[in-house]
Amino acid sequence: MIIKSLNLETVCGITSTLPENTHLEIAFAGKSNVGKSSLINALLNRKALARTSSQPGKTQTINFYNINDCLYFVDLPGYGYAKVSEEIKAKWGKMIERYLMTSKMLRVIFLLIDIRHEPSQNDKDMYNFIVNSGFNPIIIATKMDKISKGQLNKHVNMIKKSLKVVEGTPVIPFSAQTKQGRDELWEMIDEYVEYFSNN
């Protein structure tokens, strides 16, 4: 997809009303500091559209990015951030749950997992919640540049086994540094946009 127009159209906090969009929505979920903002910036060829931070918990809202007036990237708050109170964590969880359960245009969820480590309990809980909500998430294994090529398959299989992914679930290694995996992700996104616009 050639990006002709792009803007951060809607920002929803804990008490905000979610927008009723009319275009396909693709959501990005993942633990704090897993690289969601870096992935979105890499996909959109922008350095700082989605704010990145070495400090986890930066994204505290649901951010809707309108692309070419035909597609939304939806950046969800990171989960599992230790320095936030249990009350705030619970509210973020409810906000994400409300979005997943009520959005009429959400069709695809990318779940980001750090390829270096076995998925945490939070990752497993989020994966199961997404599946139980009726979606089959695509797994993006981030920070692939941090491991050697020889370890890649082993770590991808570790993620699949640990999450107990549904048979046939894609697990796509990605690096925000080298942009490896970017073209593969865009091919999938383009297919979804085409399918959605024809159905």
N, C-alpha and C. Protein backbone atom coordinates (compact mmCIF):
# COMPACT_ATOMS: atom_id res chain seq x y z
N MET A 1 0.84 -1.20 0.00
CA MET A 1 0.00 0.00 0.00
C MET A 1 0.88 1.25 0.00
N ILE A 2 0.57 2.18 -0.88
CA ILE A 2 1.25 3.47 -0.88
C ILE A 2 0.48 4.40 0.05
N ILE A 3 1.16 4.92 1.04
CA ILE A 3 0.48 5.77 2.03
C ILE A 3 0.40 7.20 1.49
N LYS A 4 -0.82 7.61 1.18
CA LYS A 4 -1.03 8.96 0.64
C LYS A 4 -1.49 9.94 1.71
N SER A 5 -2.22 9.42 2.68
CA SER A 5 -2.66 10.29 3.79
C SER A 5 -2.64 9.49 5.07
N LEU A 6 -2.36 10.19 6.16
CA LEU A 6 -2.19 9.51 7.43
C LEU A 6 -2.39 10.51 8.56
N ASN A 7 -3.28 10.18 9.49
CA ASN A 7 -3.39 11.07 10.65
C ASN A 7 -3.91 10.32 11.87
N LEU A 8 -3.47 10.80 13.01
CA LEU A 8 -3.98 10.28 14.28
C LEU A 8 -5.35 10.92 14.48
N GLU A 9 -6.40 10.13 14.19
CA GLU A 9 -7.74 10.71 14.09
C GLU A 9 -8.46 10.77 15.43
N THR A 10 -8.32 9.70 16.23
CA THR A 10 -9.07 9.63 17.49
C THR A 10 -8.17 9.08 18.58
N VAL A 11 -8.24 9.69 19.76
CA VAL A 11 -7.53 9.21 20.94
C VAL A 11 -8.56 8.98 22.04
N CYS A 12 -8.66 7.74 22.51
CA CYS A 12 -9.68 7.39 23.51
C CYS A 12 -9.03 7.05 24.85
N GLY A 13 -9.44 7.76 25.89
CA GLY A 13 -9.00 7.44 27.24
C GLY A 13 -9.97 6.48 27.90
N ILE A 14 -9.76 6.28 29.19
CA ILE A 14 -10.54 5.28 29.93
C ILE A 14 -12.04 5.56 29.87
N THR A 15 -12.43 6.83 29.91
CA THR A 15 -13.86 7.16 29.94
C THR A 15 -14.41 7.59 28.58
N SER A 16 -13.57 7.57 27.54
CA SER A 16 -14.02 8.07 26.22
C SER A 16 -15.02 7.13 25.57
N THR A 17 -15.85 7.72 24.71
CA THR A 17 -16.73 6.92 23.85
C THR A 17 -15.92 6.46 22.65
N LEU A 18 -15.97 5.18 22.34
CA LEU A 18 -15.22 4.66 21.20
C LEU A 18 -15.87 5.13 19.89
N PRO A 19 -15.05 5.44 18.88
CA PRO A 19 -15.62 5.93 17.62
C PRO A 19 -16.34 4.82 16.86
N GLU A 20 -17.33 5.21 16.08
CA GLU A 20 -18.02 4.24 15.20
C GLU A 20 -17.49 4.44 13.79
N ASN A 21 -16.35 3.83 13.52
CA ASN A 21 -15.70 3.99 12.23
C ASN A 21 -16.40 3.17 11.16
N THR A 22 -16.12 3.54 9.91
CA THR A 22 -16.73 2.82 8.79
C THR A 22 -15.69 2.11 7.93
N HIS A 23 -14.43 2.14 8.38
CA HIS A 23 -13.36 1.45 7.65
C HIS A 23 -12.79 0.32 8.50
N LEU A 24 -12.14 -0.61 7.82
CA LEU A 24 -11.48 -1.74 8.46
C LEU A 24 -10.54 -1.28 9.58
N GLU A 25 -10.59 -1.97 10.71
CA GLU A 25 -9.68 -1.68 11.81
C GLU A 25 -8.75 -2.87 12.05
N ILE A 26 -7.46 -2.58 12.18
CA ILE A 26 -6.46 -3.58 12.54
C ILE A 26 -5.85 -3.14 13.86
N ALA A 27 -5.98 -3.98 14.88
CA ALA A 27 -5.52 -3.59 16.22
C ALA A 27 -4.15 -4.21 16.52
N PHE A 28 -3.37 -3.47 17.31
CA PHE A 28 -2.05 -3.91 17.74
C PHE A 28 -2.05 -4.03 19.26
N ALA A 29 -1.85 -5.25 19.75
CA ALA A 29 -1.85 -5.50 21.20
C ALA A 29 -0.48 -6.06 21.60
N GLY A 30 -0.10 -5.79 22.83
CA GLY A 30 1.18 -6.33 23.30
C GLY A 30 1.55 -5.77 24.65
N LYS A 31 2.48 -6.45 25.27
CA LYS A 31 2.97 -6.03 26.58
C LYS A 31 3.67 -4.68 26.47
N SER A 32 3.70 -3.93 27.57
CA SER A 32 4.44 -2.67 27.60
C SER A 32 5.89 -2.90 27.16
N ASN A 33 6.35 -2.03 26.30
CA ASN A 33 7.76 -2.05 25.84
C ASN A 33 8.09 -3.21 24.90
N VAL A 34 7.06 -3.82 24.29
CA VAL A 34 7.33 -4.92 23.36
C VAL A 34 7.67 -4.39 21.97
N GLY A 35 7.37 -3.09 21.73
CA GLY A 35 7.73 -2.48 20.45
C GLY A 35 6.54 -2.16 19.55
N LYS A 36 5.36 -1.94 20.15
CA LYS A 36 4.17 -1.63 19.34
C LYS A 36 4.34 -0.33 18.56
N SER A 37 4.75 0.72 19.27
CA SER A 37 4.91 2.02 18.60
C SER A 37 5.99 1.95 17.53
N SER A 38 7.08 1.25 17.81
CA SER A 38 8.17 1.10 16.82
C SER A 38 7.67 0.36 15.59
N LEU A 39 6.84 -0.67 15.79
CA LEU A 39 6.28 -1.42 14.66
C LEU A 39 5.39 -0.52 13.82
N ILE A 40 4.49 0.22 14.47
CA ILE A 40 3.57 1.09 13.73
C ILE A 40 4.35 2.14 12.95
N ASN A 41 5.36 2.75 13.58
CA ASN A 41 6.20 3.73 12.89
C ASN A 41 6.90 3.12 11.69
N ALA A 42 7.41 1.88 11.85
CA ALA A 42 8.12 1.21 10.76
C ALA A 42 7.17 0.89 9.61
N LEU A 43 5.97 0.42 9.93
CA LEU A 43 4.99 0.11 8.88
C LEU A 43 4.58 1.36 8.11
N LEU A 44 4.49 2.47 8.83
CA LEU A 44 3.99 3.71 8.21
C LEU A 44 5.11 4.63 7.72
N ASN A 45 6.36 4.14 7.81
CA ASN A 45 7.51 4.93 7.37
C ASN A 45 7.59 6.29 8.05
N ARG A 46 7.28 6.30 9.32
CA ARG A 46 7.39 7.54 10.11
C ARG A 46 8.31 7.29 11.28
N LYS A 47 9.05 8.31 11.65
CA LYS A 47 9.99 8.11 12.77
C LYS A 47 9.30 8.25 14.11
N ALA A 48 8.32 9.12 14.20
CA ALA A 48 7.76 9.39 15.53
C ALA A 48 6.26 9.67 15.50
N LEU A 49 5.55 8.99 14.60
CA LEU A 49 4.08 9.16 14.60
C LEU A 49 3.51 8.57 15.88
N ALA A 50 3.83 7.30 16.12
CA ALA A 50 3.48 6.67 17.40
C ALA A 50 4.66 6.91 18.33
N ARG A 51 4.38 7.47 19.49
CA ARG A 51 5.47 7.85 20.39
C ARG A 51 6.11 6.60 21.01
N THR A 52 7.41 6.48 20.80
CA THR A 52 8.14 5.37 21.39
C THR A 52 8.83 5.85 22.66
N SER A 53 9.10 4.94 23.54
CA SER A 53 9.76 5.31 24.78
C SER A 53 10.47 4.10 25.36
N SER A 54 11.62 4.34 26.00
CA SER A 54 12.28 3.25 26.71
C SER A 54 11.55 2.98 28.02
N GLN A 55 10.67 3.92 28.36
CA GLN A 55 9.90 3.77 29.60
C GLN A 55 8.59 3.06 29.27
N PRO A 56 8.36 1.86 29.83
CA PRO A 56 7.13 1.13 29.52
C PRO A 56 5.89 1.91 29.96
N GLY A 57 4.76 1.56 29.34
CA GLY A 57 3.50 2.15 29.75
C GLY A 57 3.23 3.51 29.11
N LYS A 58 3.93 3.83 28.02
CA LYS A 58 3.78 5.14 27.39
C LYS A 58 2.39 5.30 26.76
N THR A 59 1.94 4.25 26.05
CA THR A 59 0.62 4.32 25.43
C THR A 59 -0.44 4.00 26.48
N GLN A 60 -1.20 5.03 26.87
CA GLN A 60 -2.22 4.85 27.91
C GLN A 60 -3.62 5.10 27.36
N THR A 61 -3.69 5.23 26.05
CA THR A 61 -4.96 5.48 25.38
C THR A 61 -5.08 4.51 24.20
N ILE A 62 -6.28 4.44 23.63
CA ILE A 62 -6.45 3.71 22.37
C ILE A 62 -6.36 4.75 21.26
N ASN A 63 -5.37 4.58 20.38
CA ASN A 63 -5.10 5.56 19.33
C ASN A 63 -5.50 5.00 17.97
N PHE A 64 -6.32 5.76 17.25
CA PHE A 64 -6.81 5.35 15.93
C PHE A 64 -6.09 6.16 14.84
N TYR A 65 -5.29 5.47 14.03
CA TYR A 65 -4.58 6.12 12.93
C TYR A 65 -5.32 5.84 11.63
N ASN A 66 -5.77 6.91 10.96
CA ASN A 66 -6.50 6.78 9.69
C ASN A 66 -5.49 6.77 8.55
N ILE A 67 -5.49 5.68 7.77
CA ILE A 67 -4.55 5.53 6.66
C ILE A 67 -5.33 5.55 5.35
N ASN A 68 -5.03 6.54 4.52
CA ASN A 68 -5.64 6.66 3.17
C ASN A 68 -7.17 6.68 3.20
N ASP A 69 -7.72 6.99 4.35
CA ASP A 69 -9.18 7.02 4.49
C ASP A 69 -9.81 5.68 4.08
N CYS A 70 -9.07 4.58 4.32
CA CYS A 70 -9.64 3.27 3.98
C CYS A 70 -9.31 2.22 5.03
N LEU A 71 -8.54 2.61 6.06
CA LEU A 71 -8.03 1.63 7.00
C LEU A 71 -7.61 2.34 8.29
N TYR A 72 -7.83 1.68 9.43
CA TYR A 72 -7.34 2.21 10.71
C TYR A 72 -6.35 1.24 11.33
N PHE A 73 -5.22 1.77 11.80
CA PHE A 73 -4.37 1.05 12.73
C PHE A 73 -4.82 1.50 14.13
N VAL A 74 -5.08 0.53 15.00
CA VAL A 74 -5.56 0.85 16.35
C VAL A 74 -4.50 0.39 17.35
N ASP A 75 -3.87 1.35 17.99
CA ASP A 75 -2.79 1.07 18.95
C ASP A 75 -3.40 0.98 20.35
N LEU A 76 -3.36 -0.23 20.92
CA LEU A 76 -3.95 -0.46 22.24
C LEU A 76 -2.92 -0.23 23.34
N PRO A 77 -3.34 0.15 24.54
CA PRO A 77 -2.39 0.33 25.64
C PRO A 77 -1.64 -0.97 25.94
N GLY A 78 -0.37 -0.84 26.27
CA GLY A 78 0.41 -2.01 26.64
C GLY A 78 -0.07 -2.58 27.96
N TYR A 79 -0.04 -3.90 28.08
CA TYR A 79 -0.48 -4.53 29.34
C TYR A 79 0.73 -5.02 30.13
N GLY A 80 0.49 -5.33 31.40
CA GLY A 80 1.53 -5.93 32.22
C GLY A 80 2.58 -4.96 32.73
N TYR A 81 2.24 -3.66 32.74
CA TYR A 81 3.20 -2.65 33.19
C TYR A 81 3.21 -2.60 34.71
N ALA A 82 4.34 -2.97 35.30
CA ALA A 82 4.41 -3.20 36.76
C ALA A 82 4.23 -1.94 37.60
N LYS A 83 4.65 -0.78 37.08
CA LYS A 83 4.68 0.42 37.92
C LYS A 83 3.34 1.17 37.98
N VAL A 84 2.34 0.59 37.37
CA VAL A 84 1.01 1.22 37.40
C VAL A 84 0.18 0.53 38.48
N SER A 85 -0.66 1.29 39.15
CA SER A 85 -1.47 0.71 40.22
C SER A 85 -2.42 -0.34 39.66
N GLU A 86 -2.82 -1.26 40.52
CA GLU A 86 -3.76 -2.33 40.11
C GLU A 86 -5.06 -1.74 39.59
N GLU A 87 -5.47 -0.63 40.18
CA GLU A 87 -6.72 0.02 39.76
C GLU A 87 -6.62 0.51 38.31
N ILE A 88 -5.48 1.17 38.00
CA ILE A 88 -5.29 1.67 36.63
C ILE A 88 -5.16 0.50 35.66
N LYS A 89 -4.42 -0.53 36.06
CA LYS A 89 -4.28 -1.73 35.21
C LYS A 89 -5.65 -2.31 34.87
N ALA A 90 -6.50 -2.40 35.90
CA ALA A 90 -7.84 -2.95 35.70
C ALA A 90 -8.64 -2.09 34.73
N LYS A 91 -8.50 -0.76 34.85
CA LYS A 91 -9.23 0.15 33.95
C LYS A 91 -8.73 0.03 32.51
N TRP A 92 -7.40 -0.09 32.34
CA TRP A 92 -6.87 -0.30 31.00
C TRP A 92 -7.40 -1.60 30.42
N GLY A 93 -7.42 -2.64 31.26
CA GLY A 93 -7.92 -3.94 30.82
C GLY A 93 -9.36 -3.85 30.36
N LYS A 94 -10.18 -3.13 31.13
CA LYS A 94 -11.60 -2.95 30.77
C LYS A 94 -11.73 -2.16 29.47
N MET A 95 -10.85 -1.16 29.29
CA MET A 95 -10.89 -0.34 28.08
C MET A 95 -10.58 -1.20 26.85
N ILE A 96 -9.54 -2.04 26.96
CA ILE A 96 -9.17 -2.92 25.85
C ILE A 96 -10.30 -3.92 25.59
N GLU A 97 -10.84 -4.49 26.66
CA GLU A 97 -11.94 -5.46 26.55
C GLU A 97 -13.15 -4.83 25.87
N ARG A 98 -13.48 -3.60 26.28
CA ARG A 98 -14.64 -2.91 25.71
C ARG A 98 -14.44 -2.70 24.21
N TYR A 99 -13.22 -2.32 23.82
CA TYR A 99 -12.95 -2.12 22.40
C TYR A 99 -13.09 -3.43 21.63
N LEU A 100 -12.45 -4.50 22.12
CA LEU A 100 -12.48 -5.78 21.40
C LEU A 100 -13.90 -6.34 21.28
N MET A 101 -14.71 -6.09 22.30
CA MET A 101 -16.07 -6.65 22.31
C MET A 101 -17.07 -5.81 21.51
N THR A 102 -16.80 -4.50 21.35
CA THR A 102 -17.84 -3.64 20.77
C THR A 102 -17.51 -3.08 19.38
N SER A 103 -16.24 -3.10 18.97
CA SER A 103 -15.91 -2.52 17.66
C SER A 103 -16.58 -3.32 16.55
N LYS A 104 -17.27 -2.61 15.67
CA LYS A 104 -17.95 -3.28 14.55
C LYS A 104 -17.01 -3.48 13.35
N MET A 105 -15.89 -2.75 13.33
CA MET A 105 -15.02 -2.78 12.15
C MET A 105 -13.69 -3.50 12.40
N LEU A 106 -13.47 -3.97 13.62
CA LEU A 106 -12.24 -4.70 13.92
C LEU A 106 -12.28 -6.07 13.26
N ARG A 107 -11.28 -6.35 12.44
CA ARG A 107 -11.22 -7.64 11.75
C ARG A 107 -9.94 -8.41 12.03
N VAL A 108 -8.87 -7.70 12.36
CA VAL A 108 -7.56 -8.34 12.50
C VAL A 108 -6.89 -7.82 13.77
N ILE A 109 -6.28 -8.73 14.53
CA ILE A 109 -5.51 -8.32 15.70
C ILE A 109 -4.10 -8.88 15.57
N PHE A 110 -3.13 -8.00 15.63
CA PHE A 110 -1.73 -8.40 15.71
C PHE A 110 -1.35 -8.41 17.19
N LEU A 111 -0.88 -9.55 17.67
CA LEU A 111 -0.41 -9.65 19.05
C LEU A 111 1.11 -9.72 19.02
N LEU A 112 1.76 -8.74 19.65
CA LEU A 112 3.21 -8.65 19.64
C LEU A 112 3.81 -9.36 20.83
N ILE A 113 4.79 -10.21 20.56
CA ILE A 113 5.50 -10.97 21.60
C ILE A 113 7.00 -10.76 21.38
N ASP A 114 7.74 -10.49 22.45
CA ASP A 114 9.19 -10.33 22.37
C ASP A 114 9.81 -11.70 22.06
N ILE A 115 10.47 -11.80 20.90
CA ILE A 115 10.99 -13.09 20.44
C ILE A 115 12.06 -13.66 21.37
N ARG A 116 12.68 -12.81 22.19
CA ARG A 116 13.81 -13.26 23.02
C ARG A 116 13.37 -14.11 24.21
N HIS A 117 12.11 -13.92 24.63
CA HIS A 117 11.69 -14.54 25.89
C HIS A 117 10.44 -15.41 25.69
N GLU A 118 10.31 -16.38 26.53
CA GLU A 118 9.06 -17.17 26.53
C GLU A 118 7.90 -16.24 26.90
N PRO A 119 6.75 -16.36 26.22
CA PRO A 119 5.62 -15.49 26.56
C PRO A 119 5.27 -15.55 28.04
N SER A 120 4.97 -14.38 28.59
CA SER A 120 4.62 -14.28 30.02
C SER A 120 3.17 -14.74 30.23
N GLN A 121 2.78 -14.82 31.48
CA GLN A 121 1.39 -15.17 31.79
C GLN A 121 0.44 -14.12 31.22
N ASN A 122 0.86 -12.85 31.28
CA ASN A 122 0.04 -11.77 30.68
C ASN A 122 -0.16 -11.99 29.19
N ASP A 123 0.92 -12.42 28.50
CA ASP A 123 0.82 -12.70 27.06
C ASP A 123 -0.16 -13.84 26.80
N LYS A 124 -0.05 -14.89 27.61
CA LYS A 124 -0.94 -16.04 27.44
C LYS A 124 -2.39 -15.65 27.69
N ASP A 125 -2.59 -14.85 28.74
CA ASP A 125 -3.95 -14.41 29.07
C ASP A 125 -4.54 -13.57 27.94
N MET A 126 -3.71 -12.67 27.38
CA MET A 126 -4.19 -11.82 26.28
C MET A 126 -4.49 -12.65 25.05
N TYR A 127 -3.61 -13.60 24.73
CA TYR A 127 -3.86 -14.46 23.57
C TYR A 127 -5.18 -15.21 23.74
N ASN A 128 -5.38 -15.81 24.90
CA ASN A 128 -6.61 -16.57 25.14
C ASN A 128 -7.84 -15.67 25.13
N PHE A 129 -7.69 -14.46 25.67
CA PHE A 129 -8.82 -13.53 25.66
C PHE A 129 -9.21 -13.15 24.23
N ILE A 130 -8.20 -12.88 23.40
CA ILE A 130 -8.47 -12.52 21.99
C ILE A 130 -9.17 -13.68 21.28
N VAL A 131 -8.66 -14.90 21.48
CA VAL A 131 -9.27 -16.08 20.84
C VAL A 131 -10.70 -16.28 21.33
N ASN A 132 -10.90 -16.13 22.64
CA ASN A 132 -12.25 -16.29 23.20
C ASN A 132 -13.20 -15.17 22.78
N SER A 133 -12.63 -14.06 22.28
CA SER A 133 -13.46 -12.96 21.76
C SER A 133 -13.83 -13.18 20.30
N GLY A 134 -13.37 -14.31 19.73
CA GLY A 134 -13.77 -14.65 18.37
C GLY A 134 -12.75 -14.31 17.30
N PHE A 135 -11.54 -13.92 17.70
CA PHE A 135 -10.49 -13.57 16.73
C PHE A 135 -9.39 -14.61 16.78
N ASN A 136 -8.68 -14.74 15.66
CA ASN A 136 -7.49 -15.58 15.63
C ASN A 136 -6.30 -14.65 15.38
N PRO A 137 -5.63 -14.20 16.44
CA PRO A 137 -4.61 -13.18 16.25
C PRO A 137 -3.41 -13.67 15.46
N ILE A 138 -2.81 -12.73 14.74
CA ILE A 138 -1.54 -12.99 14.07
C ILE A 138 -0.44 -12.57 15.05
N ILE A 139 0.53 -13.44 15.27
CA ILE A 139 1.59 -13.16 16.23
C ILE A 139 2.76 -12.48 15.52
N ILE A 140 3.19 -11.35 16.05
CA ILE A 140 4.40 -10.69 15.54
C ILE A 140 5.48 -10.84 16.61
N ALA A 141 6.55 -11.54 16.24
CA ALA A 141 7.65 -11.77 17.18
C ALA A 141 8.67 -10.65 17.01
N THR A 142 8.62 -9.67 17.91
CA THR A 142 9.42 -8.45 17.76
C THR A 142 10.86 -8.64 18.25
N LYS A 143 11.69 -7.65 17.89
CA LYS A 143 13.10 -7.58 18.35
C LYS A 143 13.93 -8.75 17.82
N MET A 144 13.62 -9.20 16.59
CA MET A 144 14.33 -10.34 16.03
C MET A 144 15.81 -10.05 15.80
N ASP A 145 16.17 -8.77 15.70
CA ASP A 145 17.59 -8.43 15.51
C ASP A 145 18.41 -8.70 16.77
N LYS A 146 17.73 -8.97 17.89
CA LYS A 146 18.44 -9.20 19.16
C LYS A 146 18.87 -10.65 19.33
N ILE A 147 18.44 -11.52 18.42
CA ILE A 147 18.88 -12.93 18.50
C ILE A 147 19.56 -13.31 17.18
N SER A 148 20.32 -14.38 17.20
CA SER A 148 21.01 -14.81 15.98
C SER A 148 20.04 -15.52 15.04
N LYS A 149 20.38 -15.52 13.75
CA LYS A 149 19.52 -16.18 12.76
C LYS A 149 19.34 -17.66 13.09
N GLY A 150 20.40 -18.26 13.64
CA GLY A 150 20.35 -19.68 13.99
C GLY A 150 19.35 -19.99 15.09
N GLN A 151 19.01 -18.97 15.91
CA GLN A 151 18.06 -19.18 17.02
C GLN A 151 16.61 -18.90 16.62
N LEU A 152 16.43 -18.35 15.42
CA LEU A 152 15.11 -17.84 15.03
C LEU A 152 14.01 -18.89 15.11
N ASN A 153 14.20 -20.03 14.43
CA ASN A 153 13.15 -21.06 14.41
C ASN A 153 12.86 -21.60 15.81
N LYS A 154 13.92 -21.76 16.59
CA LYS A 154 13.76 -22.26 17.95
C LYS A 154 12.87 -21.32 18.77
N HIS A 155 13.11 -20.02 18.63
CA HIS A 155 12.34 -19.04 19.41
C HIS A 155 10.90 -18.91 18.90
N VAL A 156 10.72 -18.99 17.58
CA VAL A 156 9.36 -18.96 17.02
C VAL A 156 8.57 -20.16 17.54
N ASN A 157 9.20 -21.33 17.52
CA ASN A 157 8.52 -22.54 18.03
C ASN A 157 8.22 -22.45 19.52
N MET A 158 9.11 -21.80 20.26
CA MET A 158 8.89 -21.60 21.70
C MET A 158 7.63 -20.76 21.92
N ILE A 159 7.47 -19.71 21.10
CA ILE A 159 6.28 -18.86 21.23
C ILE A 159 5.02 -19.65 20.90
N LYS A 160 5.06 -20.40 19.79
CA LYS A 160 3.90 -21.20 19.38
C LYS A 160 3.49 -22.20 20.47
N LYS A 161 4.50 -22.88 21.00
CA LYS A 161 4.24 -23.92 22.00
C LYS A 161 3.72 -23.31 23.29
N SER A 162 4.34 -22.21 23.72
CA SER A 162 3.97 -21.59 25.00
C SER A 162 2.56 -21.01 24.96
N LEU A 163 2.21 -20.37 23.83
CA LEU A 163 0.86 -19.78 23.70
C LEU A 163 -0.19 -20.82 23.34
N LYS A 164 0.29 -22.02 22.91
CA LYS A 164 -0.63 -23.06 22.41
C LYS A 164 -1.49 -22.48 21.28
N VAL A 165 -0.81 -21.92 20.29
CA VAL A 165 -1.53 -21.21 19.22
C VAL A 165 -2.40 -22.16 18.42
N VAL A 166 -3.46 -21.61 17.87
CA VAL A 166 -4.35 -22.34 16.97
C VAL A 166 -3.53 -22.78 15.76
N GLU A 167 -3.75 -24.01 15.32
CA GLU A 167 -3.03 -24.56 14.16
C GLU A 167 -3.11 -23.59 12.98
N GLY A 168 -1.97 -23.33 12.35
CA GLY A 168 -1.94 -22.46 11.17
C GLY A 168 -1.78 -20.98 11.48
N THR A 169 -1.70 -20.62 12.77
CA THR A 169 -1.52 -19.21 13.14
C THR A 169 -0.16 -18.70 12.66
N PRO A 170 -0.14 -17.60 11.89
CA PRO A 170 1.16 -17.07 11.46
C PRO A 170 1.92 -16.48 12.65
N VAL A 171 3.22 -16.75 12.71
CA VAL A 171 4.12 -16.08 13.66
C VAL A 171 5.20 -15.41 12.81
N ILE A 172 5.18 -14.09 12.76
CA ILE A 172 6.05 -13.35 11.85
C ILE A 172 7.14 -12.63 12.63
N PRO A 173 8.40 -13.04 12.47
CA PRO A 173 9.49 -12.31 13.12
C PRO A 173 9.64 -10.92 12.51
N PHE A 174 9.93 -9.94 13.37
CA PHE A 174 10.00 -8.55 12.92
C PHE A 174 11.10 -7.81 13.66
N SER A 175 11.77 -6.91 12.94
CA SER A 175 12.75 -6.03 13.57
C SER A 175 12.46 -4.59 13.16
N ALA A 176 12.27 -3.73 14.16
CA ALA A 176 12.08 -2.31 13.88
C ALA A 176 13.39 -1.68 13.42
N GLN A 177 14.51 -2.31 13.79
CA GLN A 177 15.83 -1.77 13.42
C GLN A 177 16.12 -2.01 11.94
N THR A 178 15.94 -3.26 11.50
CA THR A 178 16.31 -3.62 10.12
C THR A 178 15.11 -3.58 9.17
N LYS A 179 13.90 -3.45 9.73
CA LYS A 179 12.63 -3.47 8.98
C LYS A 179 12.31 -4.85 8.41
N GLN A 180 13.06 -5.88 8.84
CA GLN A 180 12.77 -7.24 8.37
C GLN A 180 11.39 -7.66 8.88
N GLY A 181 10.58 -8.22 7.98
CA GLY A 181 9.22 -8.61 8.32
C GLY A 181 8.20 -7.57 7.89
N ARG A 182 8.66 -6.36 7.59
CA ARG A 182 7.73 -5.27 7.23
C ARG A 182 6.95 -5.59 5.96
N ASP A 183 7.66 -6.02 4.90
CA ASP A 183 6.98 -6.30 3.63
C ASP A 183 5.96 -7.43 3.77
N GLU A 184 6.33 -8.45 4.54
CA GLU A 184 5.42 -9.58 4.75
C GLU A 184 4.15 -9.11 5.46
N LEU A 185 4.31 -8.24 6.44
CA LEU A 185 3.14 -7.71 7.16
C LEU A 185 2.26 -6.88 6.24
N TRP A 186 2.88 -6.04 5.41
CA TRP A 186 2.07 -5.22 4.49
C TRP A 186 1.33 -6.09 3.47
N GLU A 187 1.95 -7.18 3.03
CA GLU A 187 1.25 -8.09 2.10
C GLU A 187 -0.02 -8.61 2.75
N MET A 188 0.08 -9.00 4.02
CA MET A 188 -1.09 -9.49 4.75
C MET A 188 -2.14 -8.39 4.91
N ILE A 189 -1.68 -7.20 5.28
CA ILE A 189 -2.61 -6.08 5.49
C ILE A 189 -3.33 -5.75 4.19
N ASP A 190 -2.57 -5.70 3.08
CA ASP A 190 -3.18 -5.39 1.78
C ASP A 190 -4.24 -6.44 1.41
N GLU A 191 -3.96 -7.69 1.72
CA GLU A 191 -4.93 -8.76 1.44
C GLU A 191 -6.21 -8.55 2.24
N TYR A 192 -6.05 -8.18 3.51
CA TYR A 192 -7.22 -7.92 4.35
C TYR A 192 -8.03 -6.75 3.83
N VAL A 193 -7.34 -5.68 3.43
CA VAL A 193 -8.03 -4.48 2.93
C VAL A 193 -8.81 -4.84 1.66
N GLU A 194 -8.16 -5.60 0.77
CA GLU A 194 -8.82 -5.98 -0.49
C GLU A 194 -10.02 -6.88 -0.21
N TYR A 195 -9.83 -7.86 0.66
CA TYR A 195 -10.92 -8.78 1.00
C TYR A 195 -12.09 -8.02 1.62
N PHE A 196 -11.76 -7.13 2.55
CA PHE A 196 -12.80 -6.40 3.27
C PHE A 196 -13.57 -5.47 2.33
N SER A 197 -12.86 -4.84 1.40
CA SER A 197 -13.53 -3.89 0.49
C SER A 197 -14.41 -4.61 -0.53
N ASN A 198 -14.14 -5.91 -0.74
CA ASN A 198 -14.94 -6.68 -1.73
C ASN A 198 -16.03 -7.51 -1.08
N ASN A 199 -16.16 -7.45 0.25
CA ASN A 199 -17.16 -8.28 0.93
C ASN A 199 -18.03 -7.43 1.85
